[in-house]
All heavy atoms as atom14 arrays in JSON, in Angstrom:
{
  "sequence": "PPGTRYPLPGATLTKRRGPALPAAALG",
  "atom14_mask": [
    [1, 1, 1, 1, 1, 1, 1, 0, 0, 0, 0, 0, 0, 0],
    [1, 1, 1, 1, 1, 1, 1, 0, 0, 0, 0, 0, 0, 0],
    [1, 1, 1, 1, 0, 0, 0, 0, 0, 0, 0, 0, 0, 0],
    [1, 1, 1, 1, 1, 1, 1, 0, 0, 0, 0, 0, 0, 0],
    [1, 1, 1, 1, 1, 1, 1, 1, 1, 1, 1, 0, 0, 0],
    [1, 1, 1, 1, 1, 1, 1, 1, 1, 1, 1, 1, 0, 0],
    [1, 1, 1, 1, 1, 1, 1, 0, 0, 0, 0, 0, 0, 0],
    [1, 1, 1, 1, 1, 1, 1, 1, 0, 0, 0, 0, 0, 0],
    [1, 1, 1, 1, 1, 1, 1, 0, 0, 0, 0, 0, 0, 0],
    [1, 1, 1, 1, 0, 0, 0, 0, 0, 0, 0, 0, 0, 0],
    [1, 1, 1, 1, 1, 0, 0, 0, 0, 0, 0, 0, 0, 0],
    [1, 1, 1, 1, 1, 1, 1, 0, 0, 0, 0, 0, 0, 0],
    [1, 1, 1, 1, 1, 1, 1, 1, 0, 0, 0, 0, 0, 0],
    [1, 1, 1, 1, 1, 1, 1, 0, 0, 0, 0, 0, 0, 0],
    [1, 1, 1, 1, 1, 1, 1, 1, 1, 0, 0, 0, 0, 0],
    [1, 1, 1, 1, 1, 1, 1, 1, 1, 1, 1, 0, 0, 0],
    [1, 1, 1, 1, 1, 1, 1, 1, 1, 1, 1, 0, 0, 0],
    [1, 1, 1, 1, 0, 0, 0, 0, 0, 0, 0, 0, 0, 0],
    [1, 1, 1, 1, 1, 1, 1, 0, 0, 0, 0, 0, 0, 0],
    [1, 1, 1, 1, 1, 0, 0, 0, 0, 0, 0, 0, 0, 0],
    [1, 1, 1, 1, 1, 1, 1, 1, 0, 0, 0, 0, 0, 0],
    [1, 1, 1, 1, 1, 1, 1, 0, 0, 0, 0, 0, 0, 0],
    [1, 1, 1, 1, 1, 0, 0, 0, 0, 0, 0, 0, 0, 0],
    [1, 1, 1, 1, 1, 0, 0, 0, 0, 0, 0, 0, 0, 0],
    [1, 1, 1, 1, 1, 0, 0, 0, 0, 0, 0, 0, 0, 0],
    [1, 1, 1, 1, 1, 1, 1, 1, 0, 0, 0, 0, 0, 0],
    [1, 1, 1, 1, 0, 0, 0, 0, 0, 0, 0, 0, 0, 0]
  ],
  "atom14_positions": [
    [[99.76, 102.59, 107.07], [100.57, 101.46, 106.54], [101.09, 101.77, 105.16], [100.62, 102.58, 104.44], [99.61, 100.31, 106.53], [98.22, 100.99, 106.38], [98.3, 102.33, 107.07], [0.0, 0.0, 0.0], [0.0, 0.0, 0.0], [0.0, 0.0, 0.0], [0.0, 0.0, 0.0], [0.0, 0.0, 0.0], [0.0, 0.0, 0.0], [0.0, 0.0, 0.0]],
    [[102.21, 101.03, 104.8], [102.74, 101.16, 103.47], [101.67, 100.71, 102.33], [100.87, 99.89, 102.61], [103.96, 100.23, 103.4], [103.66, 99.25, 104.55], [102.87, 99.99, 105.53], [0.0, 0.0, 0.0], [0.0, 0.0, 0.0], [0.0, 0.0, 0.0], [0.0, 0.0, 0.0], [0.0, 0.0, 0.0], [0.0, 0.0, 0.0], [0.0, 0.0, 0.0]],
    [[101.75, 101.4, 101.27], [100.82, 101.08, 100.17], [99.65, 101.98, 100.09], [98.9, 102.04, 99.1], [0.0, 0.0, 0.0], [0.0, 0.0, 0.0], [0.0, 0.0, 0.0], [0.0, 0.0, 0.0], [0.0, 0.0, 0.0], [0.0, 0.0, 0.0], [0.0, 0.0, 0.0], [0.0, 0.0, 0.0], [0.0, 0.0, 0.0], [0.0, 0.0, 0.0]],
    [[99.51, 102.84, 101.12], [98.43, 103.83, 101.14], [98.65, 104.8, 100.0], [99.82, 105.35, 99.95], [98.32, 104.45, 102.58], [98.18, 103.47, 103.54], [97.03, 105.29, 102.59], [0.0, 0.0, 0.0], [0.0, 0.0, 0.0], [0.0, 0.0, 0.0], [0.0, 0.0, 0.0], [0.0, 0.0, 0.0], [0.0, 0.0, 0.0], [0.0, 0.0, 0.0]],
    [[97.48, 105.19, 99.43], [97.69, 106.21, 98.28], [96.73, 107.33, 98.73], [95.8, 107.22, 99.28], [97.23, 105.62, 96.98], [98.08, 104.49, 96.39], [97.48, 103.75, 95.28], [97.09, 104.54, 94.18], [97.9, 104.85, 93.2], [99.19, 104.44, 93.16], [97.54, 105.64, 92.18], [0.0, 0.0, 0.0], [0.0, 0.0, 0.0], [0.0, 0.0, 0.0]],
    [[97.33, 108.53, 98.22], [96.54, 109.82, 98.59], [96.46, 110.61, 97.3], [97.45, 111.36, 96.89], [97.46, 110.63, 99.67], [97.87, 109.77, 100.85], [98.96, 108.99, 100.82], [97.1, 109.8, 102.04], [99.37, 108.27, 101.88], [97.43, 109.05, 103.09], [98.51, 108.25, 103.02], [98.91, 107.61, 104.11], [0.0, 0.0, 0.0], [0.0, 0.0, 0.0]],
    [[95.2, 110.67, 96.82], [95.07, 111.47, 95.56], [95.07, 113.01, 95.93], [94.41, 113.44, 96.93], [93.65, 111.08, 95.08], [93.36, 109.74, 95.78], [94.15, 109.8, 97.02], [0.0, 0.0, 0.0], [0.0, 0.0, 0.0], [0.0, 0.0, 0.0], [0.0, 0.0, 0.0], [0.0, 0.0, 0.0], [0.0, 0.0, 0.0], [0.0, 0.0, 0.0]],
    [[95.78, 113.78, 95.23], [95.86, 115.27, 95.44], [95.59, 115.83, 94.12], [95.71, 115.23, 93.01], [97.2, 115.71, 95.94], [97.62, 115.04, 97.24], [99.16, 115.5, 97.5], [96.83, 115.61, 98.35], [0.0, 0.0, 0.0], [0.0, 0.0, 0.0], [0.0, 0.0, 0.0], [0.0, 0.0, 0.0], [0.0, 0.0, 0.0], [0.0, 0.0, 0.0]],
    [[95.32, 117.15, 93.99], [95.03, 117.77, 92.72], [96.38, 117.75, 91.85], [97.4, 118.15, 92.36], [94.79, 119.22, 93.09], [94.21, 119.08, 94.57], [94.9, 118.02, 95.14], [0.0, 0.0, 0.0], [0.0, 0.0, 0.0], [0.0, 0.0, 0.0], [0.0, 0.0, 0.0], [0.0, 0.0, 0.0], [0.0, 0.0, 0.0], [0.0, 0.0, 0.0]],
    [[96.39, 117.09, 90.86], [97.52, 116.9, 89.97], [98.53, 115.92, 90.22], [99.52, 115.75, 89.62], [0.0, 0.0, 0.0], [0.0, 0.0, 0.0], [0.0, 0.0, 0.0], [0.0, 0.0, 0.0], [0.0, 0.0, 0.0], [0.0, 0.0, 0.0], [0.0, 0.0, 0.0], [0.0, 0.0, 0.0], [0.0, 0.0, 0.0], [0.0, 0.0, 0.0]],
    [[98.36, 115.06, 91.29], [99.25, 114.1, 91.71], [98.7, 113.1, 92.67], [97.63, 113.38, 93.34], [100.56, 114.73, 92.38], [0.0, 0.0, 0.0], [0.0, 0.0, 0.0], [0.0, 0.0, 0.0], [0.0, 0.0, 0.0], [0.0, 0.0, 0.0], [0.0, 0.0, 0.0], [0.0, 0.0, 0.0], [0.0, 0.0, 0.0], [0.0, 0.0, 0.0]],
    [[99.24, 112.01, 92.79], [98.83, 110.99, 93.76], [100.1, 110.57, 94.55], [101.17, 110.13, 93.92], [98.23, 109.75, 93.3], [96.97, 110.08, 92.58], [98.02, 108.71, 94.31], [0.0, 0.0, 0.0], [0.0, 0.0, 0.0], [0.0, 0.0, 0.0], [0.0, 0.0, 0.0], [0.0, 0.0, 0.0], [0.0, 0.0, 0.0], [0.0, 0.0, 0.0]],
    [[100.1, 110.72, 95.89], [101.28, 110.32, 96.61], [101.06, 108.87, 97.16], [100.06, 108.51, 97.53], [101.45, 111.25, 97.85], [101.57, 112.73, 97.62], [102.02, 113.44, 98.93], [102.56, 113.02, 96.54], [0.0, 0.0, 0.0], [0.0, 0.0, 0.0], [0.0, 0.0, 0.0], [0.0, 0.0, 0.0], [0.0, 0.0, 0.0], [0.0, 0.0, 0.0]],
    [[102.16, 108.12, 97.16], [102.06, 106.63, 97.59], [103.08, 106.49, 98.69], [104.2, 106.76, 98.53], [102.42, 105.73, 96.43], [101.45, 105.99, 95.31], [102.27, 104.28, 96.96], [0.0, 0.0, 0.0], [0.0, 0.0, 0.0], [0.0, 0.0, 0.0], [0.0, 0.0, 0.0], [0.0, 0.0, 0.0], [0.0, 0.0, 0.0], [0.0, 0.0, 0.0]],
    [[102.6, 105.94, 99.85], [103.5, 105.62, 100.96], [104.06, 104.26, 100.67], [103.34, 103.28, 100.52], [102.61, 105.63, 102.28], [103.59, 105.59, 103.5], [102.79, 105.84, 104.68], [103.65, 105.99, 105.91], [102.91, 106.29, 107.16], [0.0, 0.0, 0.0], [0.0, 0.0, 0.0], [0.0, 0.0, 0.0], [0.0, 0.0, 0.0], [0.0, 0.0, 0.0]],
    [[105.41, 104.22, 100.77], [106.04, 102.92, 100.44], [106.57, 102.22, 101.65], [106.98, 101.1, 101.68], [107.32, 103.2, 99.61], [106.83, 103.64, 98.1], [107.98, 103.96, 97.2], [107.58, 104.05, 95.85], [108.36, 104.6, 94.94], [109.56, 105.22, 95.28], [107.97, 104.77, 93.64], [0.0, 0.0, 0.0], [0.0, 0.0, 0.0], [0.0, 0.0, 0.0]],
    [[106.68, 102.99, 102.77], [107.23, 102.34, 104.04], [106.35, 102.75, 105.31], [106.0, 103.93, 105.37], [108.69, 102.72, 104.31], [109.38, 102.0, 105.22], [110.83, 102.5, 105.4], [111.6, 102.46, 104.28], [112.29, 101.44, 103.76], [112.23, 100.32, 104.36], [112.92, 101.56, 102.6], [0.0, 0.0, 0.0], [0.0, 0.0, 0.0], [0.0, 0.0, 0.0]],
    [[106.08, 101.81, 106.03], [105.23, 102.07, 107.35], [106.05, 102.53, 108.4], [107.32, 102.62, 108.38], [0.0, 0.0, 0.0], [0.0, 0.0, 0.0], [0.0, 0.0, 0.0], [0.0, 0.0, 0.0], [0.0, 0.0, 0.0], [0.0, 0.0, 0.0], [0.0, 0.0, 0.0], [0.0, 0.0, 0.0], [0.0, 0.0, 0.0], [0.0, 0.0, 0.0]],
    [[105.44, 102.92, 109.57], [106.17, 103.45, 110.68], [107.05, 102.39, 111.36], [106.65, 101.27, 111.35], [105.03, 103.98, 111.64], [103.89, 103.1, 111.21], [103.96, 102.88, 109.73], [0.0, 0.0, 0.0], [0.0, 0.0, 0.0], [0.0, 0.0, 0.0], [0.0, 0.0, 0.0], [0.0, 0.0, 0.0], [0.0, 0.0, 0.0], [0.0, 0.0, 0.0]],
    [[108.1, 102.81, 111.95], [108.95, 101.81, 112.69], [108.28, 101.35, 113.9], [108.57, 100.24, 114.39], [110.28, 102.52, 113.09], [0.0, 0.0, 0.0], [0.0, 0.0, 0.0], [0.0, 0.0, 0.0], [0.0, 0.0, 0.0], [0.0, 0.0, 0.0], [0.0, 0.0, 0.0], [0.0, 0.0, 0.0], [0.0, 0.0, 0.0], [0.0, 0.0, 0.0]],
    [[107.34, 102.18, 114.57], [106.63, 101.85, 115.75], [105.27, 102.29, 115.55], [104.92, 103.35, 114.93], [107.31, 102.4, 116.95], [108.69, 102.13, 117.38], [109.16, 102.96, 118.51], [108.64, 100.57, 117.84], [0.0, 0.0, 0.0], [0.0, 0.0, 0.0], [0.0, 0.0, 0.0], [0.0, 0.0, 0.0], [0.0, 0.0, 0.0], [0.0, 0.0, 0.0]],
    [[104.21, 101.64, 116.06], [102.73, 102.09, 116.08], [102.69, 103.28, 117.0], [103.42, 103.37, 118.0], [102.02, 100.93, 116.44], [102.95, 100.11, 117.23], [104.29, 100.27, 116.74], [0.0, 0.0, 0.0], [0.0, 0.0, 0.0], [0.0, 0.0, 0.0], [0.0, 0.0, 0.0], [0.0, 0.0, 0.0], [0.0, 0.0, 0.0], [0.0, 0.0, 0.0]],
    [[101.68, 104.11, 116.7], [101.48, 105.3, 117.56], [101.2, 104.92, 119.03], [101.61, 105.47, 119.97], [100.29, 106.1, 117.0], [0.0, 0.0, 0.0], [0.0, 0.0, 0.0], [0.0, 0.0, 0.0], [0.0, 0.0, 0.0], [0.0, 0.0, 0.0], [0.0, 0.0, 0.0], [0.0, 0.0, 0.0], [0.0, 0.0, 0.0], [0.0, 0.0, 0.0]],
    [[100.45, 103.68, 119.13], [100.16, 103.24, 120.56], [101.39, 102.87, 121.33], [101.28, 102.85, 122.62], [99.26, 102.06, 120.43], [0.0, 0.0, 0.0], [0.0, 0.0, 0.0], [0.0, 0.0, 0.0], [0.0, 0.0, 0.0], [0.0, 0.0, 0.0], [0.0, 0.0, 0.0], [0.0, 0.0, 0.0], [0.0, 0.0, 0.0], [0.0, 0.0, 0.0]],
    [[102.58, 102.71, 120.72], [103.66, 102.28, 121.46], [104.57, 103.41, 122.06], [105.49, 103.25, 122.78], [104.65, 101.38, 120.56], [0.0, 0.0, 0.0], [0.0, 0.0, 0.0], [0.0, 0.0, 0.0], [0.0, 0.0, 0.0], [0.0, 0.0, 0.0], [0.0, 0.0, 0.0], [0.0, 0.0, 0.0], [0.0, 0.0, 0.0], [0.0, 0.0, 0.0]],
    [[104.06, 104.7, 121.64], [104.88, 105.82, 121.96], [104.71, 106.34, 123.34], [105.53, 107.05, 123.95], [104.64, 106.98, 121.03], [104.87, 106.65, 119.55], [104.6, 107.92, 118.73], [106.22, 106.21, 119.27], [0.0, 0.0, 0.0], [0.0, 0.0, 0.0], [0.0, 0.0, 0.0], [0.0, 0.0, 0.0], [0.0, 0.0, 0.0], [0.0, 0.0, 0.0]],
    [[103.53, 106.15, 123.94], [103.16, 106.7, 125.25], [102.77, 108.1, 125.08], [102.56, 108.65, 123.98], [0.0, 0.0, 0.0], [0.0, 0.0, 0.0], [0.0, 0.0, 0.0], [0.0, 0.0, 0.0], [0.0, 0.0, 0.0], [0.0, 0.0, 0.0], [0.0, 0.0, 0.0], [0.0, 0.0, 0.0], [0.0, 0.0, 0.0], [0.0, 0.0, 0.0]]
  ]
}
């Protein structure tokens, strides 16, 4: 989901937008 943060060495990545469809909808 959006807002998830991922600490990495020397940086933190932040997800700002979630997926257009959930994985379960893909088949």
